[in-house]
Amino acid sequence: MVSDFTIRPATLDDAPTLAALGAQTFRETFEAICSSQDLANFLADAYGDAIQRTELADPFRPALVLEAEGRPVGFAQLRLGHREPCVTGVRPVELQRIYVLREAHGSGFGAALMEASVIQARAWGADVLWLGVWEHNDRALAFYARQGFREAGDHVFQIGQQIDRDLILVKDLS
């Protein structure tokens, strides 16, 4: 585990960094199961610089950047005001993204980002933190179980022509 890391709020200047991290981590997870064209189109639509800048400008979608030894290796993004029907709670917060580069897996960075996300959600008065995760992402599912999440439902996640099932996981913050 690397002890020299920081987690800080993302700024508009971080848009290219989040775009690159998002695209790389998503590609690392899904390139083996998606057509290259579907994946390329999805990444352009979901992680372009302009998209990240728009999301970062939204006060209801703040992000946290994790830097290790001076370089970004992960980020988390929260989203207020959005929920799936299966998510209960009076004031839920979505953990829309929590990504760590594959090279940094096992470093404790995911747990550090999760802790920072939980602290932020509680500061907003959230009583539930929720997220969607691909049903076959065993590593992520095990991580979320260790973090206290439980399954609450599911939804469809589409990458081009490919339709997948994401599990909706929730963590009680009360």
Protein backbone atom coordinates (compact mmCIF):
# COMPACT_ATOMS: atom_id res chain seq x y z
CA MET A 1 0.00 0.00 0.00
CA VAL A 2 1.26 3.45 -0.94
CA SER A 3 1.16 5.80 2.02
CA ASP A 4 1.79 8.97 0.02
CA PHE A 5 -1.65 9.83 -1.34
CA THR A 6 -4.15 12.64 -1.14
CA ILE A 7 -7.85 12.96 -1.83
CA ARG A 8 -9.05 16.39 -2.83
CA PRO A 9 -12.17 17.96 -4.34
CA ALA A 10 -12.08 18.05 -8.13
CA THR A 11 -12.14 21.40 -9.91
CA LEU A 12 -13.13 22.32 -13.45
CA ASP A 13 -9.44 22.06 -14.36
CA ASP A 14 -9.64 18.34 -13.51
CA ALA A 15 -12.09 17.61 -16.34
CA PRO A 16 -9.42 16.16 -18.70
CA THR A 17 -8.01 14.06 -15.84
CA LEU A 18 -11.42 12.63 -14.94
CA ALA A 19 -12.17 12.00 -18.61
CA ALA A 20 -8.93 10.05 -19.00
CA LEU A 21 -9.29 8.13 -15.72
CA GLY A 22 -12.93 7.31 -16.42
CA ALA A 23 -12.22 6.07 -19.93
CA GLN A 24 -9.18 4.03 -18.89
CA THR A 25 -10.80 2.34 -15.90
CA PHE A 26 -14.01 1.63 -17.84
CA ARG A 27 -11.97 0.19 -20.72
CA GLU A 28 -9.94 -1.97 -18.32
CA THR A 29 -13.16 -3.47 -16.98
CA PHE A 30 -15.24 -3.86 -20.13
CA GLU A 31 -13.02 -4.09 -23.22
CA ALA A 32 -13.01 -7.90 -23.15
CA ILE A 33 -16.81 -8.10 -23.27
CA CYS A 34 -17.79 -5.21 -25.58
CA SER A 35 -17.38 -4.62 -29.27
CA SER A 36 -14.61 -2.11 -29.87
CA GLN A 37 -16.99 0.23 -31.72
CA ASP A 38 -19.66 0.14 -28.99
CA LEU A 39 -17.01 0.75 -26.35
CA ALA A 40 -15.39 3.63 -28.27
CA ASN A 41 -18.76 5.32 -28.79
CA PHE A 42 -19.74 4.85 -25.15
CA LEU A 43 -16.45 6.27 -23.87
CA ALA A 44 -16.75 9.31 -26.12
CA ASP A 45 -20.32 9.91 -24.94
CA ALA A 46 -19.67 9.28 -21.23
CA TYR A 47 -16.16 10.56 -20.57
CA GLY A 48 -15.27 13.39 -22.92
CA ASP A 49 -13.60 16.50 -21.50
CA ALA A 50 -16.67 18.67 -22.18
CA ILE A 51 -18.95 16.16 -20.45
CA GLN A 52 -16.70 16.01 -17.41
CA ARG A 53 -16.51 19.81 -17.29
CA THR A 54 -20.33 20.03 -17.39
CA GLU A 55 -20.64 17.45 -14.61
CA LEU A 56 -18.02 19.19 -12.46
CA ALA A 57 -19.82 22.51 -12.90
CA ASP A 58 -22.99 20.95 -11.48
CA PRO A 59 -23.06 21.50 -7.68
CA PHE A 60 -25.11 18.30 -7.37
CA ARG A 61 -22.33 16.16 -8.93
CA PRO A 62 -19.10 16.83 -7.02
CA ALA A 63 -16.06 14.64 -7.51
CA LEU A 64 -13.01 13.68 -5.47
CA VAL A 65 -9.60 13.00 -7.03
CA LEU A 66 -7.14 10.55 -5.47
CA GLU A 67 -3.50 11.23 -6.25
CA ALA A 68 -0.71 8.83 -5.32
CA GLU A 69 2.89 9.90 -5.44
CA GLY A 70 1.81 13.05 -7.25
CA ARG A 71 -0.32 11.54 -10.00
CA PRO A 72 -4.06 10.85 -10.29
CA VAL A 73 -4.95 7.16 -9.99
CA GLY A 74 -8.63 7.29 -9.08
CA PHE A 75 -11.71 9.36 -8.47
CA ALA A 76 -15.19 9.23 -7.03
CA GLN A 77 -18.21 11.21 -8.12
CA LEU A 78 -21.38 11.68 -6.11
CA ARG A 79 -24.78 12.70 -7.40
CA LEU A 80 -27.54 14.31 -5.38
CA GLY A 81 -31.18 14.28 -6.39
CA HIS A 82 -31.20 11.03 -8.35
CA ARG A 83 -32.43 7.61 -7.30
CA GLU A 84 -33.61 4.30 -8.64
CA PRO A 85 -37.09 3.11 -7.57
CA CYS A 86 -35.58 0.37 -5.36
CA VAL A 87 -33.51 2.88 -3.37
CA THR A 88 -35.19 3.76 -0.12
CA GLY A 89 -34.33 6.53 2.26
CA VAL A 90 -35.39 10.09 2.71
CA ARG A 91 -32.20 11.64 1.30
CA PRO A 92 -30.22 9.15 -0.79
CA VAL A 93 -26.96 10.04 -2.53
CA GLU A 94 -25.68 8.12 -5.55
CA LEU A 95 -22.04 7.12 -5.74
CA GLN A 96 -22.13 7.53 -9.50
CA ARG A 97 -18.49 6.62 -10.04
CA ILE A 98 -15.71 5.20 -7.93
CA TYR A 99 -12.81 4.28 -10.17
CA VAL A 100 -9.24 3.25 -9.43
CA LEU A 101 -6.76 2.33 -12.15
CA ARG A 102 -6.10 -1.41 -12.39
CA GLU A 103 -2.42 -0.86 -11.60
CA ALA A 104 -3.47 0.54 -8.19
CA HIS A 105 -5.93 -2.22 -7.24
CA GLY A 106 -5.20 -3.72 -3.83
CA SER A 107 -3.61 -0.48 -2.62
CA GLY A 108 -6.42 0.57 -0.31
CA PHE A 109 -7.24 3.53 -2.57
CA GLY A 110 -10.78 2.29 -3.25
CA ALA A 111 -11.47 2.07 0.48
CA ALA A 112 -10.02 5.56 0.99
CA LEU A 113 -12.23 6.98 -1.78
CA MET A 114 -15.23 5.17 -0.32
CA GLU A 115 -14.56 6.58 3.14
CA ALA A 116 -14.24 10.11 1.74
CA SER A 117 -17.48 9.61 -0.23
CA VAL A 118 -19.35 8.38 2.85
CA ILE A 119 -18.09 11.36 4.86
CA GLN A 120 -19.28 13.74 2.13
CA ALA A 121 -22.69 12.04 1.81
CA ARG A 122 -23.20 12.19 5.59
CA ALA A 123 -22.21 15.87 5.59
CA TRP A 124 -25.08 16.47 3.16
CA GLY A 125 -27.45 14.65 5.51
CA ALA A 126 -27.76 11.53 3.35
CA ASP A 127 -29.27 8.49 4.97
CA VAL A 128 -28.45 6.07 2.11
CA LEU A 129 -25.54 5.80 -0.32
CA TRP A 130 -26.27 3.78 -3.45
CA LEU A 131 -24.61 2.72 -6.68
CA GLY A 132 -25.01 0.51 -9.73
CA VAL A 133 -22.48 -2.19 -10.59
CA TRP A 134 -22.30 -4.75 -13.38
CA GLU A 135 -23.60 -8.06 -12.08
CA HIS A 136 -20.46 -9.93 -13.28
CA ASN A 137 -17.88 -7.53 -11.82
CA ASP A 138 -16.93 -9.94 -9.03
CA ARG A 139 -14.03 -7.85 -7.74
CA ALA A 140 -16.22 -4.76 -7.35
CA LEU A 141 -19.08 -6.75 -5.82
CA ALA A 142 -16.72 -8.20 -3.19
CA PHE A 143 -15.33 -4.73 -2.46
CA TYR A 144 -18.80 -3.24 -2.02
CA ALA A 145 -19.86 -6.11 0.25
CA ARG A 146 -16.81 -5.41 2.46
CA GLN A 147 -17.88 -1.74 2.54
CA GLY A 148 -21.33 -2.65 3.88
CA PHE A 149 -23.44 -2.45 0.71
CA ARG A 150 -26.34 -4.83 0.07
CA GLU A 151 -28.35 -5.57 -3.06
CA ALA A 152 -31.62 -3.64 -3.43
CA GLY A 153 -32.56 -4.18 -7.07
CA ASP A 154 -31.26 -3.87 -10.60
CA HIS A 155 -31.44 -1.83 -13.78
CA VAL A 156 -30.40 -2.05 -17.42
CA PHE A 157 -27.04 -0.63 -18.48
CA GLN A 158 -26.45 -0.29 -22.20
CA ILE A 159 -23.16 0.04 -24.05
CA GLY A 160 -24.10 0.48 -27.70
CA GLN A 161 -25.99 -2.62 -28.78
CA GLN A 162 -24.95 -4.55 -25.67
CA ILE A 163 -27.47 -4.65 -22.84
CA ASP A 164 -26.20 -5.60 -19.39
CA ARG A 165 -27.73 -5.89 -15.95
CA ASP A 166 -26.40 -3.71 -13.17
CA LEU A 167 -27.16 -4.49 -9.56
CA ILE A 168 -28.28 -1.58 -7.39
CA LEU A 169 -26.44 -1.71 -4.08
CA VAL A 170 -27.25 0.41 -1.03
CA LYS A 171 -25.45 1.29 2.18
CA ASP A 172 -27.36 2.63 5.18
CA LEU A 173 -25.73 5.79 6.52
CA SER A 174 -28.10 6.46 9.42
